[in-house]
Amino acid sequence: MWNRRQCTKFNGVPYVVQRAAEAVYTDTGRRQIMETIGYYLNNAKIIKAGLHEAGLAVYGGENAPYIWLKTPSGAASWDFFDMLLRKACVVTTPGAGFGPSGEGYIRLTAFGSRENTEIAVDRIKSVI
């Protein structure tokens, strides 16, 4: 009986989530979404430009808020991740976590404030 109650009570998407999804399709919602997307893609440009300026090979960031950085000197992605964490206090994602083709890269995200994004880029540049 309890299982039936739980299945019935939690079946489907909650009403508040349905209303939020509906709001996205209004003119105001679309405008807000585009502003948010623009904000994070601008952060991606900051990351990409800053690291490219430092002589690093960087990819992505044009259509998604993720930037892939080729690890310098063929460093393993986990080793480079660890170095950035310890020396620059910047958290990244080792490419090896995405499978064999991700080895030799780290992934950076643009989901942060502009201020923190600029600080992270400066910290990475200072340890390279």
Foldseek 3Di string as FASTA:
>chain_A
DVVVVVCVVPPDDDPVVVVVVVVCPDPVNVVVVVVVVVQLLVLLVLLVVLVVVLVWDWDDSNRFQKIKTQAPPQDWQVVVQVCCCVQLVDHWARLCVVPPVGTRIIMDGSPDHSVVSNSSSVSVSVRD
